[in-house]
PDB file of N, CA and C in Angstrom:
ATOM      1  N   MET A   1      14.052  10.788  -1.749  1.00  0.00           N
ATOM      2  CA  MET A   1      14.116   9.589  -0.966  1.00  0.00           C
ATOM      3  C   MET A   1      14.416   8.415  -1.893  1.00  0.00           C
ATOM      4  N   GLU A   2      15.310   7.548  -1.469  1.00  0.00           N
ATOM      5  CA  GLU A   2      15.648   6.351  -2.244  1.00  0.00           C
ATOM      6  C   GLU A   2      15.252   5.121  -1.439  1.00  0.00           C
ATOM      7  N   ILE A   3      14.481   4.247  -2.046  1.00  0.00           N
ATOM      8  CA  ILE A   3      14.064   3.007  -1.401  1.00  0.00           C
ATOM      9  C   ILE A   3      15.181   1.982  -1.600  1.00  0.00           C
ATOM     10  N   LEU A   4      15.578   1.315  -0.531  1.00  0.00           N
ATOM     11  CA  LEU A   4      16.720   0.404  -0.574  1.00  0.00           C
ATOM     12  C   LEU A   4      16.301  -1.059  -0.488  1.00  0.00           C
ATOM     13  N   GLY A   5      17.198  -1.926  -0.922  1.00  0.00           N
ATOM     14  CA  GLY A   5      17.022  -3.364  -0.769  1.00  0.00           C
ATOM     15  C   GLY A   5      15.760  -3.893  -1.418  1.00  0.00           C
ATOM     16  N   LYS A   6      15.029  -4.717  -0.678  1.00  0.00           N
ATOM     17  CA  LYS A   6      13.805  -5.335  -1.184  1.00  0.00           C
ATOM     18  C   LYS A   6      12.558  -4.631  -0.652  1.00  0.00           C
ATOM     19  N   ALA A   7      12.705  -3.385  -0.239  1.00  0.00           N
ATOM     20  CA  ALA A   7      11.559  -2.616   0.251  1.00  0.00           C
ATOM     21  C   ALA A   7      10.768  -2.043  -0.920  1.00  0.00           C
ATOM     22  N   VAL A   8       9.456  -1.912  -0.713  1.00  0.00           N
ATOM     23  CA  VAL A   8       8.550  -1.398  -1.740  1.00  0.00           C
ATOM     24  C   VAL A   8       7.697  -0.306  -1.108  1.00  0.00           C
ATOM     25  N   LEU A   9       7.638   0.861  -1.745  1.00  0.00           N
ATOM     26  CA  LEU A   9       6.810   1.971  -1.274  1.00  0.00           C
ATOM     27  C   LEU A   9       5.492   1.938  -2.033  1.00  0.00           C
ATOM     28  N   ILE A  10       4.380   1.866  -1.288  1.00  0.00           N
ATOM     29  CA  ILE A  10       3.051   1.705  -1.880  1.00  0.00           C
ATOM     30  C   ILE A  10       2.140   2.834  -1.428  1.00  0.00           C
ATOM     31  N   LYS A  11       1.388   3.390  -2.380  1.00  0.00           N
ATOM     32  CA  LYS A  11       0.322   4.334  -2.034  1.00  0.00           C
ATOM     33  C   LYS A  11      -0.956   3.509  -1.934  1.00  0.00           C
ATOM     34  N   PRO A  12      -1.481   3.307  -0.710  1.00  0.00           N
ATOM     35  CA  PRO A  12      -2.655   2.450  -0.556  1.00  0.00           C
ATOM     36  C   PRO A  12      -3.888   3.053  -1.217  1.00  0.00           C
ATOM     37  N   ASP A  13      -4.771   2.165  -1.676  1.00  0.00           N
ATOM     38  CA  ASP A  13      -6.032   2.614  -2.262  1.00  0.00           C
ATOM     39  C   ASP A  13      -6.873   3.316  -1.202  1.00  0.00           C
ATOM     40  N   GLU A  14      -7.646   4.297  -1.640  1.00  0.00           N
ATOM     41  CA  GLU A  14      -8.583   4.982  -0.751  1.00  0.00           C
ATOM     42  C   GLU A  14      -9.754   4.056  -0.464  1.00  0.00           C
ATOM     43  N   LEU A  15     -10.197   4.041   0.772  1.00  0.00           N
ATOM     44  CA  LEU A  15     -11.376   3.255   1.119  1.00  0.00           C
ATOM     45  C   LEU A  15     -12.618   4.110   0.906  1.00  0.00           C
ATOM     46  N   PRO A  16     -13.725   3.495   0.506  1.00  0.00           N
ATOM     47  CA  PRO A  16     -14.938   4.276   0.248  1.00  0.00           C
ATOM     48  C   PRO A  16     -15.471   4.937   1.515  1.00  0.00           C
ATOM     49  N   GLU A  17     -16.062   6.109   1.346  1.00  0.00           N
ATOM     50  CA  GLU A  17     -16.648   6.849   2.466  1.00  0.00           C
ATOM     51  C   GLU A  17     -18.033   6.323   2.818  1.00  0.00           C
ATOM     52  N   THR A  18     -18.686   5.648   1.865  1.00  0.00           N
ATOM     53  CA  THR A  18     -20.022   5.103   2.107  1.00  0.00           C
ATOM     54  C   THR A  18     -20.079   3.652   1.631  1.00  0.00           C
ATOM     55  N   THR A  19     -21.025   2.905   2.177  1.00  0.00           N
ATOM     56  CA  THR A  19     -21.244   1.528   1.733  1.00  0.00           C
ATOM     57  C   THR A  19     -22.089   1.542   0.466  1.00  0.00           C
ATOM     58  N   ARG A  20     -22.244   0.376  -0.143  1.00  0.00           N
ATOM     59  CA  ARG A  20     -23.096   0.282  -1.336  1.00  0.00           C
ATOM     60  C   ARG A  20     -24.531   0.685  -1.032  1.00  0.00           C
ATOM     61  N   GLY A  21     -24.960   0.462   0.194  1.00  0.00           N
ATOM     62  CA  GLY A  21     -26.318   0.820   0.600  1.00  0.00           C
ATOM     63  C   GLY A  21     -26.475   2.282   0.982  1.00  0.00           C
ATOM     64  N   GLY A  22     -25.375   3.048   0.948  1.00  0.00           N
ATOM     65  CA  GLY A  22     -25.436   4.474   1.230  1.00  0.00           C
ATOM     66  C   GLY A  22     -25.096   4.868   2.657  1.00  0.00           C
ATOM     67  N   LEU A  23     -24.743   3.913   3.511  1.00  0.00           N
ATOM     68  CA  LEU A  23     -24.377   4.242   4.883  1.00  0.00           C
ATOM     69  C   LEU A  23     -22.988   4.867   4.921  1.00  0.00           C
ATOM     70  N   ILE A  24     -22.826   5.870   5.762  1.00  0.00           N
ATOM     71  CA  ILE A  24     -21.526   6.535   5.916  1.00  0.00           C
ATOM     72  C   ILE A  24     -20.659   5.697   6.851  1.00  0.00           C
ATOM     73  N   VAL A  25     -19.434   5.437   6.424  1.00  0.00           N
ATOM     74  CA  VAL A  25     -18.490   4.646   7.220  1.00  0.00           C
ATOM     75  C   VAL A  25     -17.554   5.610   7.945  1.00  0.00           C
ATOM     76  N   PRO A  26     -17.580   5.631   9.295  1.00  0.00           N
ATOM     77  CA  PRO A  26     -16.665   6.525  10.014  1.00  0.00           C
ATOM     78  C   PRO A  26     -15.213   6.094   9.831  1.00  0.00           C
ATOM     79  N   LYS A  27     -14.311   7.059   9.865  1.00  0.00           N
ATOM     80  CA  LYS A  27     -12.893   6.759   9.657  1.00  0.00           C
ATOM     81  C   LYS A  27     -12.359   5.765  10.677  1.00  0.00           C
ATOM     82  N   THR A  28     -12.885   5.794  11.891  1.00  0.00           N
ATOM     83  CA  THR A  28     -12.400   4.880  12.929  1.00  0.00           C
ATOM     84  C   THR A  28     -12.835   3.443  12.683  1.00  0.00           C
ATOM     85  N   ALA A  29     -13.864   3.224  11.872  1.00  0.00           N
ATOM     86  CA  ALA A  29     -14.367   1.877  11.611  1.00  0.00           C
ATOM     87  C   ALA A  29     -13.743   1.246  10.374  1.00  0.00           C
ATOM     88  N   LYS A  30     -13.020   2.028   9.608  1.00  0.00           N
ATOM     89  CA  LYS A  30     -12.451   1.509   8.362  1.00  0.00           C
ATOM     90  C   LYS A  30     -11.251   0.617   8.642  1.00  0.00           C
ATOM     91  N   GLU A  31     -11.166  -0.482   7.910  1.00  0.00           N
ATOM     92  CA  GLU A  31      -9.971  -1.322   7.968  1.00  0.00           C
ATOM     93  C   GLU A  31      -8.891  -0.673   7.120  1.00  0.00           C
ATOM     94  N   LYS A  32      -7.668  -0.916   7.493  1.00  0.00           N
ATOM     95  CA  LYS A  32      -6.558  -0.412   6.688  1.00  0.00           C
ATOM     96  C   LYS A  32      -6.540  -1.150   5.354  1.00  0.00           C
ATOM     97  N   PRO A  33      -6.263  -0.443   4.271  1.00  0.00           N
ATOM     98  CA  PRO A  33      -6.218  -1.112   2.967  1.00  0.00           C
ATOM     99  C   PRO A  33      -5.024  -2.057   2.880  1.00  0.00           C
ATOM    100  N   ASN A  34      -5.152  -3.070   2.046  1.00  0.00           N
ATOM    101  CA  ASN A  34      -4.033  -3.988   1.832  1.00  0.00           C
ATOM    102  C   ASN A  34      -3.730  -4.123   0.344  1.00  0.00           C
ATOM    103  N   LYS A  35      -4.087  -3.093  -0.408  1.00  0.00           N
ATOM    104  CA  LYS A  35      -3.729  -3.062  -1.823  1.00  0.00           C
ATOM    105  C   LYS A  35      -3.460  -1.624  -2.221  1.00  0.00           C
ATOM    106  N   GLY A  36      -2.670  -1.475  -3.285  1.00  0.00           N
ATOM    107  CA  GLY A  36      -2.352  -0.133  -3.720  1.00  0.00           C
ATOM    108  C   GLY A  36      -1.396  -0.125  -4.898  1.00  0.00           C
ATOM    109  N   LEU A  37      -0.900   1.067  -5.190  1.00  0.00           N
ATOM    110  CA  LEU A  37      -0.031   1.313  -6.333  1.00  0.00           C
ATOM    111  C   LEU A  37       1.414   1.434  -5.870  1.00  0.00           C
ATOM    112  N   VAL A  38       2.315   0.712  -6.532  1.00  0.00           N
ATOM    113  CA  VAL A  38       3.736   0.789  -6.192  1.00  0.00           C
ATOM    114  C   VAL A  38       4.284   2.121  -6.698  1.00  0.00           C
ATOM    115  N   ILE A  39       4.798   2.926  -5.778  1.00  0.00           N
ATOM    116  CA  ILE A  39       5.395   4.219  -6.105  1.00  0.00           C
ATOM    117  C   ILE A  39       6.868   4.040  -6.448  1.00  0.00           C
ATOM    118  N   ASP A  40       7.551   3.177  -5.682  1.00  0.00           N
ATOM    119  CA  ASP A  40       8.970   2.915  -5.929  1.00  0.00           C
ATOM    120  C   ASP A  40       9.327   1.565  -5.316  1.00  0.00           C
ATOM    121  N   ALA A  41      10.368   0.950  -5.831  1.00  0.00           N
ATOM    122  CA  ALA A  41      10.841  -0.337  -5.321  1.00  0.00           C
ATOM    123  C   ALA A  41      12.354  -0.296  -5.208  1.00  0.00           C
ATOM    124  N   GLY A  42      12.876  -0.954  -4.190  1.00  0.00           N
ATOM    125  CA  GLY A  42      14.316  -1.006  -3.984  1.00  0.00           C
ATOM    126  C   GLY A  42      15.035  -1.731  -5.111  1.00  0.00           C
ATOM    127  N   HIS A  43      16.332  -1.483  -5.210  1.00  0.00           N
ATOM    128  CA  HIS A  43      17.142  -2.037  -6.307  1.00  0.00           C
ATOM    129  C   HIS A  43      17.202  -3.564  -6.303  1.00  0.00           C
ATOM    130  N   ALA A  44      16.970  -4.194  -5.161  1.00  0.00           N
ATOM    131  CA  ALA A  44      17.057  -5.654  -5.075  1.00  0.00           C
ATOM    132  C   ALA A  44      15.723  -6.359  -5.363  1.00  0.00           C
ATOM    133  N   CYS A  45      14.670  -5.600  -5.620  1.00  0.00           N
ATOM    134  CA  CYS A  45      13.369  -6.215  -5.930  1.00  0.00           C
ATOM    135  C   CYS A  45      13.427  -6.864  -7.309  1.00  0.00           C
ATOM    136  N   THR A  46      12.951  -8.102  -7.383  1.00  0.00           N
ATOM    137  CA  THR A  46      13.007  -8.837  -8.647  1.00  0.00           C
ATOM    138  C   THR A  46      11.637  -9.026  -9.284  1.00  0.00           C
ATOM    139  N   GLU A  47      10.566  -8.930  -8.504  1.00  0.00           N
ATOM    140  CA  GLU A  47       9.222  -9.202  -9.018  1.00  0.00           C
ATOM    141  C   GLU A  47       8.374  -7.942  -9.190  1.00  0.00           C
ATOM    142  N   VAL A  48       8.578  -6.970  -8.341  1.00  0.00           N
ATOM    143  CA  VAL A  48       7.708  -5.792  -8.294  1.00  0.00           C
ATOM    144  C   VAL A  48       8.397  -4.604  -8.950  1.00  0.00           C
ATOM    145  N   ARG A  49       7.625  -3.848  -9.711  1.00  0.00           N
ATOM    146  CA  ARG A  49       8.134  -2.655 -10.400  1.00  0.00           C
ATOM    147  C   ARG A  49       7.222  -1.463 -10.126  1.00  0.00           C
ATOM    148  N   ARG A  50       7.732  -0.280 -10.369  1.00  0.00           N
ATOM    149  CA  ARG A  50       6.956   0.951 -10.238  1.00  0.00           C
ATOM    150  C   ARG A  50       5.685   0.853 -11.090  1.00  0.00           C
ATOM    151  N   ASN A  51       4.590   1.373 -10.565  1.00  0.00           N
ATOM    152  CA  ASN A  51       3.260   1.408 -11.199  1.00  0.00           C
ATOM    153  C   ASN A  51       2.533   0.066 -11.215  1.00  0.00           C
ATOM    154  N   ASP A  52       3.083  -0.975 -10.577  1.00  0.00           N
ATOM    155  CA  ASP A  52       2.335  -2.225 -10.408  1.00  0.00           C
ATOM    156  C   ASP A  52       1.237  -1.998  -9.373  1.00  0.00           C
ATOM    157  N   ARG A  53       0.115  -2.690  -9.529  1.00  0.00           N
ATOM    158  CA  ARG A  53      -0.936  -2.696  -8.511  1.00  0.00           C
ATOM    159  C   ARG A  53      -0.772  -3.998  -7.742  1.00  0.00           C
ATOM    160  N   VAL A  54      -0.624  -3.897  -6.421  1.00  0.00           N
ATOM    161  CA  VAL A  54      -0.300  -5.064  -5.608  1.00  0.00           C
ATOM    162  C   VAL A  54      -1.250  -5.217  -4.422  1.00  0.00           C
ATOM    163  N   HIS A  55      -1.337  -6.454  -3.934  1.00  0.00           N
ATOM    164  CA  HIS A  55      -2.016  -6.784  -2.682  1.00  0.00           C
ATOM    165  C   HIS A  55      -0.931  -7.309  -1.748  1.00  0.00           C
ATOM    166  N   TYR A  56      -0.977  -6.910  -0.474  1.00  0.00           N
ATOM    167  CA  TYR A  56       0.091  -7.258   0.453  1.00  0.00           C
ATOM    168  C   TYR A  56      -0.472  -7.592   1.824  1.00  0.00           C
ATOM    169  N   VAL A  57       0.365  -8.184   2.660  1.00  0.00           N
ATOM    170  CA  VAL A  57      -0.020  -8.520   4.027  1.00  0.00           C
ATOM    171  C   VAL A  57      -0.180  -7.215   4.800  1.00  0.00           C
ATOM    172  N   ARG A  58      -1.393  -6.958   5.252  1.00  0.00           N
ATOM    173  CA  ARG A  58      -1.734  -5.687   5.908  1.00  0.00           C
ATOM    174  C   ARG A  58      -0.830  -5.394   7.105  1.00  0.00           C
ATOM    175  N   LYS A  59      -0.597  -6.383   7.946  1.00  0.00           N
ATOM    176  CA  LYS A  59       0.180  -6.151   9.173  1.00  0.00           C
ATOM    177  C   LYS A  59       1.673  -6.016   8.921  1.00  0.00           C
ATOM    178  N   ALA A  60       2.108  -6.277   7.701  1.00  0.00           N
ATOM    179  CA  ALA A  60       3.534  -6.174   7.372  1.00  0.00           C
ATOM    180  C   ALA A  60       3.924  -4.762   6.959  1.00  0.00           C
ATOM    181  N   ALA A  61       2.956  -3.871   6.826  1.00  0.00           N
ATOM    182  CA  ALA A  61       3.226  -2.528   6.317  1.00  0.00           C
ATOM    183  C   ALA A  61       3.649  -1.569   7.426  1.00  0.00           C
ATOM    184  N   SER A  62       4.697  -0.813   7.155  1.00  0.00           N
ATOM    185  CA  SER A  62       5.081   0.317   8.004  1.00  0.00           C
ATOM    186  C   SER A  62       4.481   1.560   7.369  1.00  0.00           C
ATOM    187  N   ILE A  63       3.866   2.405   8.183  1.00  0.00           N
ATOM    188  CA  ILE A  63       3.193   3.593   7.654  1.00  0.00           C
ATOM    189  C   ILE A  63       4.168   4.757   7.605  1.00  0.00           C
ATOM    190  N   LEU A  64       4.223   5.413   6.448  1.00  0.00           N
ATOM    191  CA  LEU A  64       5.020   6.625   6.257  1.00  0.00           C
ATOM    192  C   LEU A  64       4.088   7.724   5.766  1.00  0.00           C
ATOM    193  N   ILE A  65       4.268   8.920   6.268  1.00  0.00           N
ATOM    194  CA  ILE A  65       3.513  10.069   5.772  1.00  0.00           C
ATOM    195  C   ILE A  65       4.477  10.902   4.930  1.00  0.00           C
ATOM    196  N   ILE A  66       4.163  11.021   3.640  1.00  0.00           N
ATOM    197  CA  ILE A  66       4.995  11.784   2.713  1.00  0.00           C
ATOM    198  C   ILE A  66       4.115  12.842   2.073  1.00  0.00           C
ATOM    199  N   ASP A  67       4.460  14.110   2.255  1.00  0.00           N
ATOM    200  CA  ASP A  67       3.660  15.225   1.735  1.00  0.00           C
ATOM    201  C   ASP A  67       2.202  15.111   2.172  1.00  0.00           C
ATOM    202  N   ASP A  68       1.984  14.786   3.449  1.00  0.00           N
ATOM    203  CA  ASP A  68       0.646  14.656   4.050  1.00  0.00           C
ATOM    204  C   ASP A  68      -0.187  13.525   3.454  1.00  0.00           C
ATOM    205  N   ILE A  69       0.432  12.573   2.770  1.00  0.00           N
ATOM    206  CA  ILE A  69      -0.268  11.424   2.188  1.00  0.00           C
ATOM    207  C   ILE A  69       0.305  10.153   2.809  1.00  0.00           C
ATOM    208  N   GLU A  70      -0.592   9.257   3.255  1.00  0.00           N
ATOM    209  CA  GLU A  70      -0.153   8.000   3.856  1.00  0.00           C
ATOM    210  C   GLU A  70       0.381   7.048   2.785  1.00  0.00           C
ATOM    211  N   HIS A  71       1.547   6.485   3.054  1.00  0.00           N
ATOM    212  CA  HIS A  71       2.152   5.469   2.199  1.00  0.00           C
ATOM    213  C   HIS A  71       2.502   4.274   3.073  1.00  0.00           C
ATOM    214  N   HIS A  72       2.627   3.108   2.466  1.00  0.00           N
ATOM    215  CA  HIS A  72       3.026   1.907   3.187  1.00  0.00           C
ATOM    216  C   HIS A  72       4.352   1.409   2.633  1.00  0.00           C
ATOM    217  N   LEU A  73       5.244   1.040   3.535  1.00  0.00           N
ATOM    218  CA  LEU A  73       6.527   0.457   3.164  1.00  0.00           C
ATOM    219  C   LEU A  73       6.466  -1.027   3.521  1.00  0.00           C
ATOM    220  N   VAL A  74       6.624  -1.881   2.514  1.00  0.00           N
ATOM    221  CA  VAL A  74       6.466  -3.325   2.674  1.00  0.00           C
ATOM    222  C   VAL A  74       7.654  -4.008   2.004  1.00  0.00           C
ATOM    223  N   PHE A  75       8.142  -5.090   2.597  1.00  0.00           N
ATOM    224  CA  PHE A  75       9.182  -5.862   1.930  1.00  0.00           C
ATOM    225  C   PHE A  75       8.553  -6.715   0.835  1.00  0.00           C
ATOM    226  N   GLU A  76       9.300  -6.910  -0.241  1.00  0.00           N
ATOM    227  CA  GLU A  76       8.781  -7.597  -1.423  1.00  0.00           C
ATOM    228  C   GLU A  76       8.199  -8.977  -1.101  1.00  0.00           C
ATOM    229  N   ASP A  77       8.772  -9.694  -0.155  1.00  0.00           N
ATOM    230  CA  ASP A  77       8.259 -11.038   0.152  1.00  0.00           C
ATOM    231  C   ASP A  77       6.917 -11.022   0.881  1.00  0.00           C
ATOM    232  N   LYS A  78       6.438  -9.846   1.275  1.00  0.00           N
ATOM    233  CA  LYS A  78       5.124  -9.714   1.918  1.00  0.00           C
ATOM    234  C   LYS A  78       4.044  -9.307   0.921  1.00  0.00           C
ATOM    235  N   ILE A  79       4.412  -9.195  -0.350  1.00  0.00           N
ATOM    236  CA  ILE A  79       3.432  -8.894  -1.392  1.00  0.00           C
ATOM    237  C   ILE A  79       2.827 -10.216  -1.851  1.00  0.00           C
ATOM    238  N   LEU A  80       1.509 -10.289  -1.804  1.00  0.00           N
ATOM    239  CA  LEU A  80       0.801 -11.534  -2.110  1.00  0.00           C
ATOM    240  C   LEU A  80       0.658 -11.759  -3.602  1.00  0.00           C
ATOM    241  N   TYR A  81       0.268 -10.705  -4.330  1.00  0.00           N
ATOM    242  CA  TYR A  81       0.177 -10.837  -5.787  1.00  0.00           C
ATOM    243  C   TYR A  81       0.128  -9.483  -6.463  1.00  0.00           C
ATOM    244  N   ILE A  82       0.433  -9.499  -7.747  1.00  0.00           N
ATOM    245  CA  ILE A  82       0.413  -8.309  -8.591  1.00  0.00           C
ATOM    246  C   ILE A  82      -0.786  -8.436  -9.512  1.00  0.00           C
ATOM    247  N   GLU A  83      -1.582  -7.380  -9.615  1.00  0.00           N
ATOM    248  CA  GLU A  83      -2.760  -7.411 -10.505  1.00  0.00           C
ATOM    249  C   GLU A  83      -2.338  -7.341 -11.947  1.00  0.00           C
TER     250      GLU A  83
END
């Protein structure tokens, strides 16, 4: 798969299964993550590179399932900052 233009493919961080106090968080109650690792970036991306850790606008992400793993596809201008 080749990512085109200013699109960025991100593997979102895993959310914890329990709270700090030890309570189990059901999958239906978890918020979608808005940070993760850049897997690939389109040729027109100027700020983001592979292996960057980024935070992005949660609602701007399109969900892709690749090899049974959830990934998010986000345009570069929806990335808030790079860690």
